[in-house]
C-alpha cells in the first residue's frame, strides 16, 4: 500500500492516542515510525479493488480530524500491450509495457513469469524492462504521499 503522511497541528499528544485512520473509507494501518508528537501521523493504505476517492480521517482520544472530501484518490493502473510477446529465456530482451497510470508510485517493480526485471525507463504510459523468461507480466506500485 501507499505510505500516507498527514501533517498538521494538535493531531495527538502520544502515538497511543491515535486510535484509527481511514482513507476514502478504507482502513489504513498506522505506522509508528511516521509519527511526530502533535504534528505528523502516517499510515499504510490497504489494497482496494476499484478506484475510489475521499477524505482522510484520523480518530484519536482527542477527537476526529477530517481532511477535504477529495484529499486522496485510489487509482488502478492497467496494461494494454506488452511487446515483444516472445523473448529468450536467457534474458536481456528489452520488453515494453504500455498501459494507463503505470507511473503512479514512487517505487515500482516488474516481473515476467515471476522473475524480477530491471526497469530501465518509465513514464505515465509505459515501462521498459529487460526480460528473464516467458510468462505472465505483473507491474507492482507503491507510493508515498503527504497531505
N, C-alpha and C. Protein backbone atom coordinates (compact mmCIF):
# COMPACT_ATOMS: atom_id res chain seq x y z
N UNK A 1 0.81 -1.20 0.00
CA UNK A 1 0.00 0.00 0.00
C UNK A 1 0.85 1.26 0.00
N UNK A 2 0.17 2.36 -0.06
CA UNK A 2 0.80 3.68 -0.09
C UNK A 2 1.09 4.16 1.32
N UNK A 3 2.28 4.70 1.54
CA UNK A 3 2.59 5.33 2.80
C UNK A 3 2.06 6.76 2.74
N UNK A 4 1.08 7.05 3.57
CA UNK A 4 0.42 8.35 3.59
C UNK A 4 0.80 9.08 4.87
N UNK A 5 1.26 10.33 4.76
CA UNK A 5 1.63 11.12 5.92
C UNK A 5 0.75 12.36 5.98
N UNK A 6 0.13 12.56 7.15
CA UNK A 6 -0.71 13.73 7.39
C UNK A 6 0.05 14.64 8.35
N UNK A 7 0.20 15.90 7.96
CA UNK A 7 0.88 16.87 8.81
C UNK A 7 -0.09 17.97 9.19
N UNK A 8 -0.01 18.44 10.42
CA UNK A 8 -0.90 19.49 10.89
C UNK A 8 -0.57 19.89 12.31
N UNK A 9 -1.58 20.32 13.04
CA UNK A 9 -1.42 20.72 14.44
C UNK A 9 -2.41 19.95 15.29
N UNK A 10 -2.00 19.69 16.53
CA UNK A 10 -2.88 19.05 17.51
C UNK A 10 -3.46 17.72 17.02
N UNK A 11 -2.64 16.91 16.34
CA UNK A 11 -3.13 15.62 15.83
C UNK A 11 -3.23 14.58 16.94
N UNK A 12 -2.30 14.59 17.87
CA UNK A 12 -2.35 13.74 19.07
C UNK A 12 -1.11 14.00 19.90
N UNK A 13 -1.24 13.83 21.20
CA UNK A 13 -0.11 14.09 22.10
C UNK A 13 0.84 12.89 22.14
N UNK A 14 0.29 11.67 22.09
CA UNK A 14 1.09 10.45 22.10
C UNK A 14 0.66 9.56 20.93
N UNK A 15 1.59 8.72 20.49
CA UNK A 15 1.28 7.79 19.41
C UNK A 15 0.09 6.91 19.81
N UNK A 16 0.06 6.47 21.05
CA UNK A 16 -1.02 5.59 21.51
C UNK A 16 -2.38 6.28 21.52
N UNK A 17 -2.40 7.61 21.41
CA UNK A 17 -3.67 8.35 21.35
C UNK A 17 -4.38 8.18 20.01
N UNK A 18 -3.62 7.84 18.96
CA UNK A 18 -4.21 7.66 17.64
C UNK A 18 -4.88 6.29 17.62
N UNK A 19 -6.18 6.26 17.48
CA UNK A 19 -6.95 5.01 17.58
C UNK A 19 -7.25 4.37 16.23
N UNK A 20 -7.45 5.21 15.20
CA UNK A 20 -7.90 4.67 13.92
C UNK A 20 -7.63 5.69 12.82
N UNK A 21 -7.32 5.20 11.63
CA UNK A 21 -7.23 6.06 10.44
C UNK A 21 -7.94 5.36 9.29
N UNK A 22 -8.68 6.13 8.51
CA UNK A 22 -9.29 5.62 7.29
C UNK A 22 -8.95 6.57 6.15
N UNK A 23 -8.83 6.02 4.96
CA UNK A 23 -8.53 6.78 3.76
C UNK A 23 -9.60 6.43 2.73
N UNK A 24 -10.41 7.40 2.37
CA UNK A 24 -11.52 7.18 1.44
C UNK A 24 -12.40 6.03 1.91
N UNK A 25 -12.63 5.95 3.22
CA UNK A 25 -13.48 4.92 3.79
C UNK A 25 -12.83 3.57 3.98
N UNK A 26 -11.54 3.45 3.68
CA UNK A 26 -10.82 2.19 3.77
C UNK A 26 -9.84 2.25 4.95
N UNK A 27 -9.79 1.21 5.79
CA UNK A 27 -8.84 1.23 6.92
C UNK A 27 -7.40 1.42 6.46
N UNK A 28 -6.64 2.15 7.26
CA UNK A 28 -5.24 2.45 6.97
C UNK A 28 -4.43 2.08 8.21
N UNK A 29 -3.37 1.28 8.06
CA UNK A 29 -2.58 0.80 9.18
C UNK A 29 -1.63 1.90 9.65
N UNK A 30 -1.76 2.30 10.90
CA UNK A 30 -0.95 3.39 11.46
C UNK A 30 0.50 2.92 11.59
N UNK A 31 1.44 3.79 11.16
CA UNK A 31 2.87 3.47 11.15
C UNK A 31 3.56 4.30 12.22
N UNK A 32 4.10 3.63 13.23
CA UNK A 32 4.71 4.32 14.37
C UNK A 32 5.90 5.20 13.95
N UNK A 33 6.71 4.72 13.00
CA UNK A 33 7.90 5.48 12.59
C UNK A 33 7.54 6.80 11.91
N UNK A 34 6.31 6.94 11.44
CA UNK A 34 5.88 8.17 10.79
C UNK A 34 5.21 9.16 11.73
N UNK A 35 5.20 8.83 13.02
CA UNK A 35 4.54 9.69 14.00
C UNK A 35 5.50 10.72 14.57
N UNK A 36 5.03 11.96 14.70
CA UNK A 36 5.77 13.03 15.37
C UNK A 36 4.77 13.75 16.27
N UNK A 37 5.13 13.93 17.53
CA UNK A 37 4.23 14.48 18.54
C UNK A 37 3.43 15.67 18.00
N UNK A 38 2.12 15.50 18.00
CA UNK A 38 1.14 16.54 17.70
C UNK A 38 1.10 17.00 16.24
N UNK A 39 2.15 16.75 15.44
CA UNK A 39 2.21 17.36 14.11
C UNK A 39 2.20 16.40 12.92
N UNK A 40 2.43 15.10 13.15
CA UNK A 40 2.50 14.19 12.00
C UNK A 40 2.05 12.79 12.37
N UNK A 41 1.21 12.20 11.51
CA UNK A 41 0.76 10.82 11.66
C UNK A 41 0.84 10.17 10.28
N UNK A 42 1.35 8.94 10.23
CA UNK A 42 1.45 8.21 8.96
C UNK A 42 0.72 6.88 9.05
N UNK A 43 0.27 6.42 7.89
CA UNK A 43 -0.35 5.09 7.82
C UNK A 43 -0.07 4.50 6.44
N UNK A 44 -0.21 3.17 6.36
CA UNK A 44 -0.05 2.45 5.09
C UNK A 44 -1.44 2.03 4.64
N UNK A 45 -1.81 2.47 3.42
CA UNK A 45 -3.14 2.20 2.91
C UNK A 45 -3.34 0.72 2.63
N UNK A 46 -4.59 0.30 2.68
CA UNK A 46 -4.97 -1.06 2.34
C UNK A 46 -5.15 -1.18 0.82
N UNK A 47 -5.14 -2.39 0.34
CA UNK A 47 -5.39 -2.65 -1.07
C UNK A 47 -6.89 -2.49 -1.33
N UNK A 48 -7.23 -1.84 -2.44
CA UNK A 48 -8.63 -1.72 -2.84
C UNK A 48 -8.82 -2.38 -4.20
N UNK A 49 -10.05 -2.76 -4.49
CA UNK A 49 -10.32 -3.47 -5.75
C UNK A 49 -10.85 -2.57 -6.84
N UNK A 50 -11.13 -1.31 -6.52
CA UNK A 50 -11.65 -0.39 -7.54
C UNK A 50 -11.18 1.03 -7.22
N UNK A 51 -11.10 1.90 -8.22
CA UNK A 51 -10.75 3.29 -7.95
C UNK A 51 -11.73 3.93 -6.97
N UNK A 52 -11.22 4.82 -6.14
CA UNK A 52 -12.04 5.41 -5.08
C UNK A 52 -11.37 6.71 -4.64
N UNK A 53 -12.14 7.65 -4.14
CA UNK A 53 -11.55 8.87 -3.58
C UNK A 53 -12.35 9.30 -2.37
N UNK A 54 -11.70 10.05 -1.50
CA UNK A 54 -12.40 10.52 -0.31
C UNK A 54 -11.48 11.14 0.71
N UNK A 55 -12.02 11.35 1.89
CA UNK A 55 -11.33 12.02 2.98
C UNK A 55 -10.35 11.10 3.69
N UNK A 56 -9.38 11.73 4.36
CA UNK A 56 -8.51 11.04 5.30
C UNK A 56 -9.05 11.40 6.68
N UNK A 57 -9.34 10.38 7.49
CA UNK A 57 -9.90 10.61 8.82
C UNK A 57 -8.97 10.00 9.86
N UNK A 58 -8.63 10.81 10.86
CA UNK A 58 -7.82 10.36 11.99
C UNK A 58 -8.69 10.44 13.23
N UNK A 59 -8.90 9.30 13.89
CA UNK A 59 -9.62 9.26 15.15
C UNK A 59 -8.61 9.09 16.28
N UNK A 60 -8.67 9.97 17.26
CA UNK A 60 -7.78 9.86 18.41
C UNK A 60 -8.59 10.11 19.68
N UNK A 61 -7.94 9.94 20.82
CA UNK A 61 -8.63 10.19 22.08
C UNK A 61 -9.02 11.67 22.20
N UNK A 62 -8.40 12.53 21.41
CA UNK A 62 -8.69 13.97 21.44
C UNK A 62 -9.81 14.37 20.48
N UNK A 63 -10.32 13.44 19.69
CA UNK A 63 -11.37 13.76 18.73
C UNK A 63 -11.04 13.27 17.35
N UNK A 64 -11.68 13.85 16.35
CA UNK A 64 -11.55 13.41 14.97
C UNK A 64 -11.02 14.55 14.11
N UNK A 65 -10.06 14.22 13.23
CA UNK A 65 -9.53 15.17 12.24
C UNK A 65 -9.94 14.64 10.88
N UNK A 66 -10.56 15.49 10.05
CA UNK A 66 -11.03 15.09 8.73
C UNK A 66 -10.43 16.02 7.69
N UNK A 67 -9.90 15.45 6.62
CA UNK A 67 -9.35 16.25 5.52
C UNK A 67 -10.45 16.66 4.55
N UNK A 68 -10.07 17.34 3.49
CA UNK A 68 -11.03 17.66 2.42
C UNK A 68 -11.65 16.38 1.87
N UNK A 69 -12.83 16.50 1.29
CA UNK A 69 -13.59 15.34 0.80
C UNK A 69 -12.85 14.56 -0.28
N UNK A 70 -12.04 15.22 -1.09
CA UNK A 70 -11.35 14.53 -2.19
C UNK A 70 -9.83 14.54 -1.99
N UNK A 71 -9.39 14.41 -0.75
CA UNK A 71 -7.97 14.52 -0.44
C UNK A 71 -7.13 13.36 -0.97
N UNK A 72 -7.74 12.19 -1.15
CA UNK A 72 -6.97 11.02 -1.55
C UNK A 72 -7.70 10.26 -2.64
N UNK A 73 -6.95 9.79 -3.64
CA UNK A 73 -7.51 9.01 -4.74
C UNK A 73 -6.82 7.66 -4.82
N UNK A 74 -7.61 6.59 -4.79
CA UNK A 74 -7.10 5.28 -5.13
C UNK A 74 -7.28 5.12 -6.63
N UNK A 75 -6.23 4.78 -7.33
CA UNK A 75 -6.33 4.56 -8.78
C UNK A 75 -5.73 3.21 -9.11
N UNK A 76 -6.14 2.70 -10.24
CA UNK A 76 -5.65 1.39 -10.66
C UNK A 76 -5.05 1.50 -12.05
N UNK A 77 -3.80 1.09 -12.17
CA UNK A 77 -3.15 1.06 -13.47
C UNK A 77 -3.62 -0.15 -14.27
N UNK A 78 -3.44 -0.08 -15.56
CA UNK A 78 -3.80 -1.22 -16.40
C UNK A 78 -2.79 -1.37 -17.53
N UNK A 79 -2.55 -2.60 -17.91
CA UNK A 79 -1.63 -2.92 -19.01
C UNK A 79 -2.45 -3.16 -20.26
N UNK A 80 -2.10 -2.45 -21.36
CA UNK A 80 -2.82 -2.64 -22.61
C UNK A 80 -2.01 -3.43 -23.64
N UNK A 81 -0.68 -3.38 -23.53
CA UNK A 81 0.15 -4.08 -24.52
C UNK A 81 1.51 -4.40 -23.94
N UNK A 82 2.03 -5.57 -24.29
CA UNK A 82 3.38 -5.98 -23.94
C UNK A 82 4.06 -6.39 -25.24
N UNK A 83 5.26 -5.86 -25.47
CA UNK A 83 5.94 -6.15 -26.72
C UNK A 83 7.44 -6.28 -26.46
N UNK A 84 8.10 -7.32 -27.00
CA UNK A 84 7.56 -8.44 -27.77
C UNK A 84 6.88 -9.44 -26.85
N UNK A 85 6.06 -10.30 -27.43
CA UNK A 85 5.34 -11.31 -26.67
C UNK A 85 6.19 -12.55 -26.42
N UNK A 86 7.21 -12.78 -27.24
CA UNK A 86 8.10 -13.93 -27.08
C UNK A 86 9.52 -13.41 -26.90
N UNK A 87 10.19 -13.93 -25.87
CA UNK A 87 11.56 -13.49 -25.58
C UNK A 87 12.43 -14.69 -25.28
N UNK A 88 13.73 -14.48 -25.26
CA UNK A 88 14.67 -15.55 -24.92
C UNK A 88 14.64 -15.83 -23.43
N UNK A 89 14.72 -17.10 -23.05
CA UNK A 89 14.75 -17.47 -21.63
C UNK A 89 16.03 -16.98 -20.95
N UNK A 90 17.07 -16.76 -21.68
CA UNK A 90 18.34 -16.33 -21.09
C UNK A 90 18.30 -14.88 -20.62
N UNK A 91 17.27 -14.15 -21.02
CA UNK A 91 17.13 -12.76 -20.56
C UNK A 91 17.81 -11.78 -21.48
N UNK A 92 17.75 -10.51 -21.10
CA UNK A 92 18.41 -9.46 -21.84
C UNK A 92 17.54 -8.78 -22.89
N UNK A 93 16.40 -9.37 -23.23
CA UNK A 93 15.49 -8.76 -24.20
C UNK A 93 14.80 -7.57 -23.55
N UNK A 94 14.72 -6.46 -24.27
CA UNK A 94 14.00 -5.30 -23.76
C UNK A 94 12.53 -5.47 -24.09
N UNK A 95 11.69 -5.37 -23.06
CA UNK A 95 10.25 -5.54 -23.19
C UNK A 95 9.59 -4.21 -22.87
N UNK A 96 8.68 -3.77 -23.76
CA UNK A 96 7.93 -2.54 -23.50
C UNK A 96 6.54 -2.90 -23.01
N UNK A 97 6.13 -2.28 -21.91
CA UNK A 97 4.81 -2.50 -21.32
C UNK A 97 4.06 -1.18 -21.42
N UNK A 98 2.96 -1.17 -22.17
CA UNK A 98 2.15 0.04 -22.33
C UNK A 98 0.84 -0.12 -21.57
N UNK A 99 0.31 0.99 -21.10
CA UNK A 99 -0.95 0.97 -20.39
C UNK A 99 -1.29 2.36 -19.88
N UNK A 100 -2.15 2.41 -18.89
CA UNK A 100 -2.50 3.71 -18.31
C UNK A 100 -2.19 3.70 -16.82
N UNK A 101 -1.81 4.84 -16.32
CA UNK A 101 -1.49 5.06 -14.91
C UNK A 101 -0.46 4.08 -14.39
N UNK A 102 0.58 3.82 -15.18
CA UNK A 102 1.62 2.89 -14.77
C UNK A 102 2.73 3.56 -13.97
N UNK A 103 2.69 4.88 -13.84
CA UNK A 103 3.76 5.60 -13.15
C UNK A 103 3.22 6.31 -11.91
N UNK A 104 2.26 5.72 -11.23
CA UNK A 104 1.66 6.37 -10.06
C UNK A 104 2.56 6.30 -8.84
N UNK A 105 3.31 5.25 -8.68
CA UNK A 105 4.05 5.04 -7.45
C UNK A 105 5.47 5.55 -7.50
N UNK A 106 6.01 5.82 -6.31
CA UNK A 106 7.41 6.22 -6.22
C UNK A 106 8.31 5.00 -6.31
N UNK A 107 7.77 3.83 -6.05
CA UNK A 107 8.51 2.58 -6.18
C UNK A 107 7.71 1.64 -7.07
N UNK A 108 8.38 0.99 -7.99
CA UNK A 108 7.69 0.11 -8.93
C UNK A 108 8.52 -1.15 -9.13
N UNK A 109 7.83 -2.26 -9.39
CA UNK A 109 8.54 -3.48 -9.74
C UNK A 109 7.80 -4.16 -10.88
N UNK A 110 8.56 -4.87 -11.71
CA UNK A 110 8.01 -5.61 -12.84
C UNK A 110 8.53 -7.03 -12.76
N UNK A 111 7.63 -8.00 -12.92
CA UNK A 111 8.06 -9.39 -13.02
C UNK A 111 7.50 -10.00 -14.29
N UNK A 112 8.27 -10.88 -14.89
CA UNK A 112 7.84 -11.68 -16.04
C UNK A 112 7.94 -13.12 -15.61
N UNK A 113 6.81 -13.83 -15.63
CA UNK A 113 6.76 -15.23 -15.20
C UNK A 113 7.35 -15.40 -13.81
N UNK A 114 7.13 -14.41 -12.94
CA UNK A 114 7.61 -14.48 -11.57
C UNK A 114 9.05 -14.05 -11.38
N UNK A 115 9.74 -13.71 -12.46
CA UNK A 115 11.14 -13.28 -12.37
C UNK A 115 11.22 -11.75 -12.37
N UNK A 116 11.96 -11.17 -11.43
CA UNK A 116 12.07 -9.71 -11.39
C UNK A 116 12.83 -9.17 -12.60
N UNK A 117 12.44 -7.98 -13.04
CA UNK A 117 13.11 -7.31 -14.15
C UNK A 117 13.65 -5.96 -13.67
N UNK A 118 14.72 -5.52 -14.30
CA UNK A 118 15.24 -4.19 -14.04
C UNK A 118 14.47 -3.22 -14.91
N UNK A 119 13.93 -2.17 -14.32
CA UNK A 119 13.23 -1.14 -15.09
C UNK A 119 14.29 -0.17 -15.60
N UNK A 120 14.36 -0.03 -16.93
CA UNK A 120 15.38 0.86 -17.49
C UNK A 120 14.82 2.22 -17.89
N UNK A 121 13.51 2.34 -18.03
CA UNK A 121 12.89 3.66 -18.22
C UNK A 121 11.41 3.53 -17.93
N UNK A 122 10.78 4.66 -17.57
CA UNK A 122 9.35 4.63 -17.32
C UNK A 122 8.77 6.02 -17.50
N UNK A 123 7.50 6.05 -17.88
CA UNK A 123 6.73 7.28 -17.89
C UNK A 123 5.29 6.89 -17.55
N UNK A 124 4.36 7.80 -17.67
CA UNK A 124 2.98 7.52 -17.25
C UNK A 124 2.32 6.42 -18.07
N UNK A 125 2.81 6.14 -19.29
CA UNK A 125 2.17 5.16 -20.16
C UNK A 125 2.95 3.87 -20.35
N UNK A 126 4.25 3.88 -20.08
CA UNK A 126 4.99 2.65 -20.38
C UNK A 126 6.15 2.43 -19.42
N UNK A 127 6.52 1.18 -19.29
CA UNK A 127 7.68 0.76 -18.54
C UNK A 127 8.47 -0.17 -19.45
N UNK A 128 9.77 -0.02 -19.44
CA UNK A 128 10.60 -0.86 -20.28
C UNK A 128 11.57 -1.61 -19.38
N UNK A 129 11.57 -2.93 -19.51
CA UNK A 129 12.42 -3.75 -18.65
C UNK A 129 13.02 -4.90 -19.45
N UNK A 130 14.26 -5.29 -19.14
CA UNK A 130 14.81 -6.47 -19.80
C UNK A 130 14.14 -7.72 -19.23
N UNK A 131 13.82 -8.65 -20.07
CA UNK A 131 13.09 -9.84 -19.62
C UNK A 131 14.03 -10.95 -19.21
N UNK A 132 13.50 -11.86 -18.40
CA UNK A 132 14.25 -13.04 -17.98
C UNK A 132 13.64 -14.32 -18.53
N UNK A 133 12.31 -14.33 -18.75
CA UNK A 133 11.66 -15.53 -19.29
C UNK A 133 10.25 -15.21 -19.76
N UNK A 134 9.64 -16.17 -20.45
CA UNK A 134 8.26 -16.01 -20.91
C UNK A 134 7.30 -16.24 -19.76
N UNK A 135 6.13 -15.62 -19.82
CA UNK A 135 5.11 -15.86 -18.82
C UNK A 135 4.34 -14.60 -18.50
N UNK A 136 3.49 -14.65 -17.46
CA UNK A 136 2.65 -13.50 -17.12
C UNK A 136 3.48 -12.29 -16.71
N UNK A 137 2.97 -11.12 -17.02
CA UNK A 137 3.62 -9.86 -16.66
C UNK A 137 2.87 -9.24 -15.50
N UNK A 138 3.58 -8.80 -14.48
CA UNK A 138 2.97 -8.10 -13.36
C UNK A 138 3.72 -6.81 -13.13
N UNK A 139 2.98 -5.73 -12.89
CA UNK A 139 3.58 -4.44 -12.54
C UNK A 139 3.05 -4.08 -11.17
N UNK A 140 3.94 -3.90 -10.22
CA UNK A 140 3.55 -3.52 -8.86
C UNK A 140 3.97 -2.09 -8.59
N UNK A 141 3.17 -1.39 -7.77
CA UNK A 141 3.46 0.00 -7.47
C UNK A 141 3.26 0.26 -6.00
N UNK A 142 4.07 1.12 -5.45
CA UNK A 142 3.79 1.66 -4.12
C UNK A 142 4.15 3.13 -4.15
N UNK A 143 3.56 3.88 -3.26
CA UNK A 143 3.64 5.32 -3.36
C UNK A 143 3.73 5.92 -1.98
N UNK A 144 4.39 7.06 -1.90
CA UNK A 144 4.38 7.83 -0.67
C UNK A 144 3.72 9.15 -0.96
N UNK A 145 2.84 9.59 -0.07
CA UNK A 145 2.11 10.83 -0.29
C UNK A 145 1.98 11.56 1.03
N UNK A 146 2.13 12.87 0.99
CA UNK A 146 1.92 13.69 2.18
C UNK A 146 0.76 14.62 1.96
N UNK A 147 -0.05 14.82 2.99
CA UNK A 147 -1.15 15.79 2.95
C UNK A 147 -0.80 16.94 3.84
